[in-house]
Every structure is written in C-alpha cells, then in structure tokens.
C-alpha cells in the first residue's frame, strides 16, 4: 500500500479531468481526492495498492479526451489509510 501526491500540468482544466479521474479511481478501488489548482494544474492525492495507484498515475499521463498533459509530477510516500472514498475537492 502506498500514497502518491500527483500534479498534472497542461490543458487539464475545463476538460472534466477531475470527474474522469474520480471514475478511474473508483474503477481501480483507490482512495483520495482530486482538485483544480489556481495555477491551472490538477492535483490528486491517492492511496491504495501500489499496482492500482500506479495504474491511476499512468492514466494521468494521457487523461480524458480533450486534455493535453504536458507533465506529471509524482511524489510517493507512506500509506496512511485516512481516505475511505475518492472525492472531487472544489
């Protein structure tokens, strides 16, 4: 089990990136949150089995139709178990 802090750069706002990320996280069974940032990036914090967290991170490199991902920054850390769902933060 791991935790990852992920920052997605590019055309990732106003393309339903957060909603699609939430759906993908639910499909994978991982927990955490996703949010738009003032600088135009999307941030997510995700926890779960390493293979499933990595699958979500891999998906973030392409994102949903309409997005253009330029860069994905990932910082992995220790699992905390604080999340019980995957939510969109506003």
C-alpha atoms as a PDB file:
ATOM      1  CA  UNK A   1       0.000   0.000   0.000  1.00  0.00           C
ATOM      2  CA  UNK A   2       1.290   3.443  -0.945  1.00  0.00           C
ATOM      3  CA  UNK A   3       0.292   7.098  -1.108  1.00  0.00           C
ATOM      4  CA  UNK A   4       1.095   9.373  -4.036  1.00  0.00           C
ATOM      5  CA  UNK A   5       0.866  13.129  -4.446  1.00  0.00           C
ATOM      6  CA  UNK A   6       0.392  13.887  -8.148  1.00  0.00           C
ATOM      7  CA  UNK A   7       0.461  17.208 -10.020  1.00  0.00           C
ATOM      8  CA  UNK A   8      -0.737  17.186 -13.636  1.00  0.00           C
ATOM      9  CA  UNK A   9       0.335  20.046 -15.906  1.00  0.00           C
ATOM     10  CA  UNK A  10      -1.061  21.034 -19.300  1.00  0.00           C
ATOM     11  CA  UNK A  11      -4.572  21.619 -20.601  1.00  0.00           C
ATOM     12  CA  UNK A  12      -6.198  19.774 -17.728  1.00  0.00           C
ATOM     13  CA  UNK A  13      -8.903  22.130 -16.503  1.00  0.00           C
ATOM     14  CA  UNK A  14     -12.309  22.602 -18.172  1.00  0.00           C
ATOM     15  CA  UNK A  15     -11.996  19.156 -19.805  1.00  0.00           C
ATOM     16  CA  UNK A  16     -13.648  17.115 -16.997  1.00  0.00           C
ATOM     17  CA  UNK A  17     -10.257  15.831 -15.827  1.00  0.00           C
ATOM     18  CA  UNK A  18     -11.395  15.672 -12.191  1.00  0.00           C
ATOM     19  CA  UNK A  19     -14.605  13.760 -12.969  1.00  0.00           C
ATOM     20  CA  UNK A  20     -12.788  11.258 -15.172  1.00  0.00           C
ATOM     21  CA  UNK A  21     -10.055  10.847 -12.551  1.00  0.00           C
ATOM     22  CA  UNK A  22     -12.697  10.112  -9.928  1.00  0.00           C
ATOM     23  CA  UNK A  23     -14.345   7.488 -12.182  1.00  0.00           C
ATOM     24  CA  UNK A  24     -10.983   5.839 -12.889  1.00  0.00           C
ATOM     25  CA  UNK A  25     -10.123   5.826  -9.167  1.00  0.00           C
ATOM     26  CA  UNK A  26     -13.476   4.209  -8.349  1.00  0.00           C
ATOM     27  CA  UNK A  27     -12.878   1.584 -11.067  1.00  0.00           C
ATOM     28  CA  UNK A  28      -9.452   0.818  -9.583  1.00  0.00           C
ATOM     29  CA  UNK A  29     -10.672   0.864  -5.980  1.00  0.00           C
ATOM     30  CA  UNK A  30      -8.228   3.511  -4.738  1.00  0.00           C
ATOM     31  CA  UNK A  31      -8.993   6.350  -2.336  1.00  0.00           C
ATOM     32  CA  UNK A  32      -8.129  10.033  -2.046  1.00  0.00           C
ATOM     33  CA  UNK A  33      -9.092  13.268  -3.758  1.00  0.00           C
ATOM     34  CA  UNK A  34      -8.558  15.402  -6.876  1.00  0.00           C
ATOM     35  CA  UNK A  35      -8.719  19.203  -7.204  1.00  0.00           C
ATOM     36  CA  UNK A  36      -8.129  22.053  -9.650  1.00  0.00           C
ATOM     37  CA  UNK A  37      -5.405  24.473  -8.591  1.00  0.00           C
ATOM     38  CA  UNK A  38      -5.246  28.242  -9.190  1.00  0.00           C
ATOM     39  CA  UNK A  39      -2.138  27.811 -11.388  1.00  0.00           C
ATOM     40  CA  UNK A  40      -4.071  25.663 -13.914  1.00  0.00           C
ATOM     41  CA  UNK A  41      -2.793  22.294 -12.732  1.00  0.00           C
ATOM     42  CA  UNK A  42      -4.761  19.400 -11.289  1.00  0.00           C
ATOM     43  CA  UNK A  43      -3.580  17.847  -8.026  1.00  0.00           C
ATOM     44  CA  UNK A  44      -4.507  14.469  -6.659  1.00  0.00           C
ATOM     45  CA  UNK A  45      -3.643  12.514  -3.569  1.00  0.00           C
ATOM     46  CA  UNK A  46      -4.255   8.793  -3.930  1.00  0.00           C
ATOM     47  CA  UNK A  47      -3.763   5.768  -1.690  1.00  0.00           C
ATOM     48  CA  UNK A  48      -4.097   2.050  -2.244  1.00  0.00           C
ATOM     49  CA  UNK A  49      -2.241  -0.985  -3.537  1.00  0.00           C
ATOM     50  CA  UNK A  50       0.896   0.072  -5.414  1.00  0.00           C
ATOM     51  CA  UNK A  51      -0.177  -1.511  -8.709  1.00  0.00           C
ATOM     52  CA  UNK A  52      -3.544   0.300  -8.644  1.00  0.00           C
ATOM     53  CA  UNK A  53      -2.073   3.650  -7.603  1.00  0.00           C
ATOM     54  CA  UNK A  54       0.488   3.296 -10.404  1.00  0.00           C
ATOM     55  CA  UNK A  55      -2.309   2.462 -12.879  1.00  0.00           C
ATOM     56  CA  UNK A  56      -4.079   5.717 -11.993  1.00  0.00           C
ATOM     57  CA  UNK A  57      -0.821   7.654 -12.331  1.00  0.00           C
ATOM     58  CA  UNK A  58      -0.231   6.033 -15.739  1.00  0.00           C
ATOM     59  CA  UNK A  59      -3.731   7.067 -16.818  1.00  0.00           C
ATOM     60  CA  UNK A  60      -2.986  10.670 -15.723  1.00  0.00           C
ATOM     61  CA  UNK A  61      -0.245  10.874 -18.360  1.00  0.00           C
ATOM     62  CA  UNK A  62      -2.926  10.878 -21.075  1.00  0.00           C
ATOM     63  CA  UNK A  63      -6.098  11.870 -19.200  1.00  0.00           C
ATOM     64  CA  UNK A  64      -9.538  12.147 -20.757  1.00  0.00           C
ATOM     65  CA  UNK A  65     -10.341  13.136 -24.325  1.00  0.00           C
ATOM     66  CA  UNK A  66      -9.846  16.879 -24.729  1.00  0.00           C
ATOM     67  CA  UNK A  67      -6.978  17.150 -22.272  1.00  0.00           C
ATOM     68  CA  UNK A  68      -3.340  17.698 -23.163  1.00  0.00           C
ATOM     69  CA  UNK A  69      -0.960  16.521 -20.459  1.00  0.00           C
ATOM     70  CA  UNK A  70       2.471  18.134 -20.645  1.00  0.00           C
ATOM     71  CA  UNK A  71       3.939  16.773 -17.417  1.00  0.00           C
ATOM     72  CA  UNK A  72       3.017  14.627 -14.413  1.00  0.00           C
ATOM     73  CA  UNK A  73       4.964  15.116 -11.180  1.00  0.00           C
ATOM     74  CA  UNK A  74       4.716  12.281  -8.658  1.00  0.00           C
ATOM     75  CA  UNK A  75       5.875  12.097  -5.064  1.00  0.00           C
ATOM     76  CA  UNK A  76       5.250   8.725  -3.397  1.00  0.00           C
ATOM     77  CA  UNK A  77       5.138   8.314   0.353  1.00  0.00           C
ATOM     78  CA  UNK A  78       3.847   6.055   3.116  1.00  0.00           C
ATOM     79  CA  UNK A  79       0.260   4.844   3.144  1.00  0.00           C
ATOM     80  CA  UNK A  80      -1.836   6.438   5.916  1.00  0.00           C
ATOM     81  CA  UNK A  81      -5.280   4.909   5.407  1.00  0.00           C
ATOM     82  CA  UNK A  82      -7.016   8.230   6.064  1.00  0.00           C
ATOM     83  CA  UNK A  83      -9.293   8.042   2.987  1.00  0.00           C
ATOM     84  CA  UNK A  84     -12.374   5.882   2.512  1.00  0.00           C
ATOM     85  CA  UNK A  85     -13.582   7.211  -0.858  1.00  0.00           C
ATOM     86  CA  UNK A  86     -12.285   9.223  -3.793  1.00  0.00           C
ATOM     87  CA  UNK A  87     -13.695  12.761  -3.938  1.00  0.00           C
ATOM     88  CA  UNK A  88     -13.518  15.871  -6.049  1.00  0.00           C
ATOM     89  CA  UNK A  89     -12.448  18.875  -3.998  1.00  0.00           C
ATOM     90  CA  UNK A  90     -13.737  22.284  -5.038  1.00  0.00           C
END
